[in-house]
Amino acid sequence: MTWDEDTTAANPLPVVPYSRLVDWFGRNPDGIPSAPHILWDPFEGRFTQFHPANSRSKSLADQAGGTRTNRAGSVVIQVEALFFPYCVWNGKTYPRLIDTPCKGWPQLLAWIRSWGVPDRWPMGPLTTRGNRDEETWETEAGWYGHSQVPENNHTDPGTWPAFATEEAPDMDATQARQLAEIHKAQVPYSGWQYKGAGTTDAWALLNNATASATAAVKSVAALSAKVDALKAPSLTADQLAVLAAQVAANPTLADRIAELVADKLAARLTD
């Protein structure tokens, strides 16, 4: 959590403006050195990325000669949520992060999954109590709270939204295998970039996906219209009289039509 204010249930304070934190981490010389990879606004679902996912952030304390905290494994993606206990947003007080709307969480989770981070807490459910086992940190991939990282003394965030897999399976084993095969065939996702500053712009991706979905809906609607146009039109009484006269003039055709009508009626009676 950003934990910008010290508050209590009896003394809540308004949440700090998101733009102020973007400026702090992205432009202020004092804030830049501690910028996380991602700043997440759980109230409105906004994101700002300050570092590529496979590049080091320095948000965590890292003692010289100790275990690596800011760079361990293939990625150490550090996320700061815009939140502090008993912050006020839109007139409502939120004691815990999980009490917020948590907008954008599914998108954030999907992006972090794409980097191979599993949906698990190796040191157990997140709490505000410190549990910093160095061996677990160095050997087990997953999610860690600030209270679980060696060499650190912060205890935030205390709570975090549940993984989708904890509530219901996202997919079965076959679907998971198919997704993995598709992922291997694609160019690795390079991550979100702030205001489209990099090779991959999440906002552009979202807009493109929305445009594709809209085009698909229009295509289906157009196809439906064409199918409707192929439906047999209703005949007027005069048209039916002309058709009947033509059939009566052709005994073979009349007999065949009578057979087909009989078959249809028989089929209805046996249904």
Protein backbone atom coordinates (compact mmCIF):
# COMPACT_ATOMS: atom_id res chain seq x y z
CA MET A 1 0.00 0.00 0.00
CA THR A 2 1.07 3.58 -0.45
CA TRP A 3 0.11 4.22 3.22
CA ASP A 4 0.22 7.98 2.87
CA GLU A 5 -1.51 8.91 6.15
CA ASP A 6 -1.67 7.62 9.73
CA THR A 7 -5.34 7.23 10.47
CA THR A 8 -7.72 5.45 12.83
CA ALA A 9 -11.38 4.51 12.77
CA ALA A 10 -12.07 7.62 14.81
CA ASN A 11 -9.95 9.82 12.54
CA PRO A 12 -10.30 8.81 8.87
CA LEU A 13 -8.80 10.98 6.13
CA PRO A 14 -9.45 11.42 2.39
CA VAL A 15 -7.46 9.17 0.09
CA VAL A 16 -4.48 10.91 -1.50
CA PRO A 17 -5.10 11.95 -5.14
CA TYR A 18 -3.80 9.39 -7.61
CA SER A 19 -2.15 12.10 -9.72
CA ARG A 20 -0.06 13.20 -6.75
CA LEU A 21 1.45 9.72 -6.42
CA VAL A 22 2.04 9.47 -10.16
CA ASP A 23 4.00 12.70 -9.95
CA TRP A 24 5.88 11.51 -6.85
CA PHE A 25 7.04 8.21 -8.31
CA GLY A 26 7.38 9.35 -11.89
CA ARG A 27 8.80 12.88 -11.70
CA ASN A 28 9.94 13.81 -8.17
CA PRO A 29 13.68 13.18 -7.60
CA ASP A 30 12.90 12.02 -4.05
CA GLY A 31 10.20 9.59 -5.14
CA ILE A 32 11.72 8.12 -8.30
CA PRO A 33 14.25 5.88 -6.47
CA SER A 34 11.43 4.11 -4.61
CA ALA A 35 8.97 3.80 -7.50
CA PRO A 36 7.30 0.37 -7.80
CA HIS A 37 6.65 -1.39 -11.07
CA ILE A 38 2.92 -0.69 -10.90
CA LEU A 39 0.80 1.87 -9.07
CA TRP A 40 -2.77 0.56 -8.81
CA ASP A 41 -5.85 2.59 -7.97
CA PRO A 42 -8.38 0.07 -6.54
CA PHE A 43 -11.09 2.73 -6.41
CA GLU A 44 -11.18 3.62 -10.11
CA GLY A 45 -9.12 0.84 -11.71
CA ARG A 46 -6.25 3.00 -12.94
CA PHE A 47 -2.67 1.80 -13.45
CA THR A 48 0.67 3.49 -14.01
CA GLN A 49 3.82 1.51 -14.78
CA PHE A 50 7.19 2.99 -13.83
CA HIS A 51 9.51 0.08 -14.70
CA PRO A 52 9.39 -2.83 -17.16
CA ALA A 53 8.34 -6.04 -15.40
CA ASN A 54 11.70 -7.69 -16.10
CA SER A 55 13.67 -4.70 -14.82
CA ARG A 56 14.47 -3.96 -11.19
CA SER A 57 12.36 -1.73 -8.97
CA LYS A 58 13.87 -0.53 -5.70
CA SER A 59 10.80 -0.30 -3.51
CA LEU A 60 12.05 -2.95 -1.09
CA ALA A 61 14.82 -2.60 1.46
CA ASP A 62 17.85 -4.57 0.27
CA GLN A 63 20.82 -4.87 2.60
CA ALA A 64 24.30 -5.16 1.13
CA GLY A 65 25.52 -8.73 1.20
CA GLY A 66 22.10 -10.16 2.13
CA THR A 67 19.43 -11.92 0.14
CA ARG A 68 18.28 -10.22 -3.04
CA THR A 69 14.90 -8.60 -2.52
CA ASN A 70 14.45 -6.27 -5.48
CA ARG A 71 15.88 -8.78 -7.96
CA ALA A 72 15.19 -12.46 -7.34
CA GLY A 73 14.11 -15.06 -9.86
CA SER A 74 13.03 -14.03 -13.36
CA VAL A 75 10.79 -11.17 -12.13
CA VAL A 76 10.02 -9.42 -8.84
CA ILE A 77 6.99 -7.35 -9.78
CA GLN A 78 6.30 -4.77 -7.09
CA VAL A 79 2.79 -3.34 -6.84
CA GLU A 80 1.73 -0.35 -4.78
CA ALA A 81 -2.01 0.02 -4.14
CA LEU A 82 -3.38 3.52 -3.58
CA PHE A 83 -4.66 2.89 -0.07
CA PHE A 84 -4.17 3.36 3.64
CA PRO A 85 -6.41 2.06 6.46
CA TYR A 86 -9.48 4.20 7.14
CA CYS A 87 -9.11 6.28 4.03
CA VAL A 88 -12.19 8.04 2.71
CA TRP A 89 -13.29 7.87 -0.93
CA ASN A 90 -16.59 9.22 -2.25
CA GLY A 91 -17.80 9.78 1.30
CA LYS A 92 -17.18 6.21 2.48
CA THR A 93 -14.46 4.99 4.85
CA TYR A 94 -12.50 1.86 3.95
CA PRO A 95 -10.73 0.05 6.83
CA ARG A 96 -9.04 -2.59 4.61
CA LEU A 97 -7.84 -2.80 1.04
CA ILE A 98 -10.24 -5.68 0.32
CA ASP A 99 -13.12 -3.43 1.38
CA THR A 100 -12.47 -1.14 -1.61
CA PRO A 101 -14.13 -1.74 -5.01
CA CYS A 102 -10.83 -3.39 -6.13
CA LYS A 103 -11.48 -2.18 -9.67
CA GLY A 104 -8.89 -3.40 -12.13
CA TRP A 105 -7.85 -6.37 -9.99
CA PRO A 106 -8.75 -9.04 -12.61
CA GLN A 107 -6.69 -7.19 -15.23
CA LEU A 108 -3.75 -6.75 -12.86
CA LEU A 109 -3.87 -10.41 -11.84
CA ALA A 110 -4.01 -11.58 -15.47
CA TRP A 111 -0.99 -9.44 -16.37
CA ILE A 112 1.10 -10.74 -13.47
CA ARG A 113 0.08 -14.32 -14.29
CA SER A 114 1.40 -13.74 -17.82
CA TRP A 115 4.86 -13.34 -16.29
CA GLY A 116 4.66 -16.80 -14.71
CA VAL A 117 3.80 -15.75 -11.15
CA PRO A 118 1.56 -18.46 -9.61
CA ASP A 119 -1.59 -17.72 -7.62
CA ARG A 120 -0.28 -18.60 -4.18
CA TRP A 121 1.08 -17.07 -0.98
CA PRO A 122 4.19 -19.15 -0.12
CA MET A 123 4.36 -17.70 3.41
CA GLY A 124 0.66 -18.11 4.06
CA PRO A 125 -2.32 -15.75 4.02
CA LEU A 126 -1.39 -12.10 4.12
CA THR A 127 -1.62 -10.35 7.49
CA THR A 128 0.00 -7.32 9.08
CA ARG A 129 2.29 -9.60 11.12
CA GLY A 130 5.78 -10.11 9.77
CA ASN A 131 6.73 -13.60 8.55
CA ARG A 132 10.00 -13.29 6.67
CA ASP A 133 11.47 -16.72 5.99
CA GLU A 134 14.50 -16.14 3.79
CA GLU A 135 14.65 -19.67 2.35
CA THR A 136 11.00 -19.54 1.28
CA TRP A 137 11.54 -16.16 -0.34
CA GLU A 138 14.55 -17.45 -2.28
CA THR A 139 13.05 -20.75 -3.43
CA GLU A 140 9.27 -20.41 -3.87
CA ALA A 141 7.50 -18.33 -6.50
CA GLY A 142 4.23 -16.58 -5.72
CA TRP A 143 2.82 -13.51 -4.04
CA TYR A 144 4.42 -11.87 -0.99
CA GLY A 145 3.27 -8.95 1.10
CA HIS A 146 5.68 -6.34 2.37
CA SER A 147 5.39 -8.03 5.75
CA GLN A 148 6.83 -11.24 4.23
CA VAL A 149 9.94 -9.93 2.46
CA PRO A 150 13.29 -10.50 4.24
CA GLU A 151 15.26 -7.46 5.40
CA ASN A 152 12.12 -5.28 5.38
CA ASN A 153 10.20 -3.90 8.37
CA HIS A 154 6.98 -2.67 6.77
CA THR A 155 3.81 -4.66 7.45
CA ASP A 156 1.49 -3.30 4.76
CA PRO A 157 -0.83 -4.06 3.05
CA GLY A 158 -2.43 -6.47 5.55
CA THR A 159 -5.09 -7.66 3.08
CA TRP A 160 -5.22 -8.34 -0.65
CA PRO A 161 -7.98 -9.41 -3.07
CA ALA A 162 -8.54 -13.13 -3.55
CA PHE A 163 -7.23 -14.93 -6.62
CA ALA A 164 -9.93 -16.00 -9.05
CA THR A 165 -8.81 -19.61 -8.59
CA GLU A 166 -9.70 -19.43 -4.90
CA GLU A 167 -13.31 -18.68 -5.72
CA ALA A 168 -13.84 -20.94 -8.75
CA PRO A 169 -11.54 -22.62 -11.29
CA ASP A 170 -10.80 -20.39 -14.25
CA MET A 171 -10.40 -23.35 -16.62
CA ASP A 172 -10.00 -27.10 -16.68
CA ALA A 173 -6.68 -28.91 -17.31
CA THR A 174 -7.24 -29.14 -21.07
CA GLN A 175 -8.02 -25.45 -21.38
CA ALA A 176 -4.99 -24.55 -19.26
CA ARG A 177 -2.74 -26.66 -21.54
CA GLN A 178 -4.20 -25.07 -24.66
CA LEU A 179 -3.67 -21.59 -23.23
CA ALA A 180 -0.07 -22.44 -22.39
CA GLU A 181 0.54 -23.63 -25.96
CA ILE A 182 -0.96 -20.45 -27.37
CA HIS A 183 1.14 -18.34 -25.00
CA LYS A 184 4.36 -20.08 -26.13
CA ALA A 185 3.54 -19.36 -29.75
CA GLN A 186 3.11 -15.63 -29.14
CA VAL A 187 5.68 -12.90 -28.66
CA PRO A 188 6.12 -12.41 -24.87
CA TYR A 189 4.02 -9.56 -23.57
CA SER A 190 6.34 -6.67 -22.76
CA GLY A 191 4.10 -5.06 -20.16
CA TRP A 192 2.12 -1.88 -19.82
CA GLN A 193 3.72 1.42 -20.58
CA TYR A 194 2.73 4.75 -19.12
CA LYS A 195 0.76 6.76 -21.69
CA GLY A 196 1.98 4.58 -24.51
CA ALA A 197 5.66 5.42 -23.96
CA GLY A 198 6.85 1.88 -24.77
CA THR A 199 6.32 -0.80 -27.38
CA THR A 200 3.13 -2.04 -25.75
CA ASP A 201 0.37 0.34 -24.71
CA ALA A 202 -2.29 -1.33 -22.53
CA TRP A 203 -4.80 1.37 -23.32
CA ALA A 204 -4.33 0.81 -27.04
CA LEU A 205 -4.68 -2.94 -26.58
CA LEU A 206 -7.95 -2.44 -24.75
CA ASN A 207 -9.25 -0.07 -27.40
CA ASN A 208 -8.28 -2.50 -30.18
CA ALA A 209 -9.99 -5.38 -28.39
CA THR A 210 -13.13 -3.28 -27.94
CA ALA A 211 -13.08 -2.27 -31.62
CA SER A 212 -12.70 -5.91 -32.68
CA ALA A 213 -15.59 -6.98 -30.48
CA THR A 214 -17.78 -4.20 -31.87
CA ALA A 215 -16.92 -5.19 -35.43
CA ALA A 216 -17.77 -8.82 -34.65
CA VAL A 217 -21.18 -7.82 -33.29
CA LYS A 218 -21.89 -5.77 -36.41
CA SER A 219 -20.86 -8.69 -38.63
CA VAL A 220 -23.24 -11.04 -36.81
CA ALA A 221 -26.05 -8.49 -37.14
CA ALA A 222 -25.38 -8.12 -40.87
CA LEU A 223 -25.40 -11.90 -41.35
CA SER A 224 -28.69 -12.15 -39.47
CA ALA A 225 -30.21 -9.56 -41.80
CA LYS A 226 -29.06 -11.53 -44.83
CA VAL A 227 -30.57 -14.75 -43.43
CA ASP A 228 -33.86 -12.95 -42.80
CA ALA A 229 -33.84 -11.74 -46.39
CA LEU A 230 -33.63 -15.36 -47.58
CA LYS A 231 -36.78 -16.40 -45.73
CA ALA A 232 -39.76 -17.23 -47.96
CA PRO A 233 -42.12 -14.26 -48.19
CA SER A 234 -45.79 -14.64 -47.35
CA LEU A 235 -47.98 -15.18 -50.44
CA THR A 236 -51.11 -13.18 -51.14
CA ALA A 237 -54.44 -14.86 -51.92
CA ASP A 238 -54.07 -14.05 -55.61
CA GLN A 239 -50.56 -15.52 -55.70
CA LEU A 240 -51.80 -18.70 -54.00
CA ALA A 241 -54.64 -19.01 -56.57
CA VAL A 242 -52.19 -18.76 -59.47
CA LEU A 243 -49.87 -21.32 -57.82
CA ALA A 244 -52.77 -23.72 -57.25
CA ALA A 245 -53.84 -23.44 -60.88
CA GLN A 246 -50.32 -24.24 -62.07
CA VAL A 247 -50.07 -27.27 -59.80
CA ALA A 248 -53.49 -28.56 -60.88
CA ALA A 249 -52.36 -28.35 -64.50
CA ASN A 250 -49.47 -30.70 -63.75
CA PRO A 251 -50.79 -33.99 -62.23
CA THR A 252 -47.32 -35.37 -61.54
CA LEU A 253 -46.29 -32.25 -59.63
CA ALA A 254 -49.60 -32.26 -57.76
CA ASP A 255 -49.10 -35.89 -56.68
CA ARG A 256 -45.56 -35.14 -55.48
CA ILE A 257 -46.66 -32.12 -53.47
CA ALA A 258 -49.46 -34.18 -51.91
CA GLU A 259 -46.93 -36.85 -50.87
CA LEU A 260 -44.64 -34.25 -49.26
CA VAL A 261 -47.53 -32.66 -47.38
CA ALA A 262 -48.65 -36.07 -46.13
CA ASP A 263 -45.11 -36.86 -44.93
CA LYS A 264 -44.90 -33.54 -43.06
CA LEU A 265 -48.27 -34.10 -41.38
CA ALA A 266 -47.32 -37.63 -40.38
CA ALA A 267 -44.05 -36.38 -38.89
CA ARG A 268 -45.93 -33.80 -36.80
CA LEU A 269 -48.36 -36.39 -35.51
CA THR A 270 -45.55 -38.68 -34.38
CA ASP A 271 -43.58 -35.92 -32.58
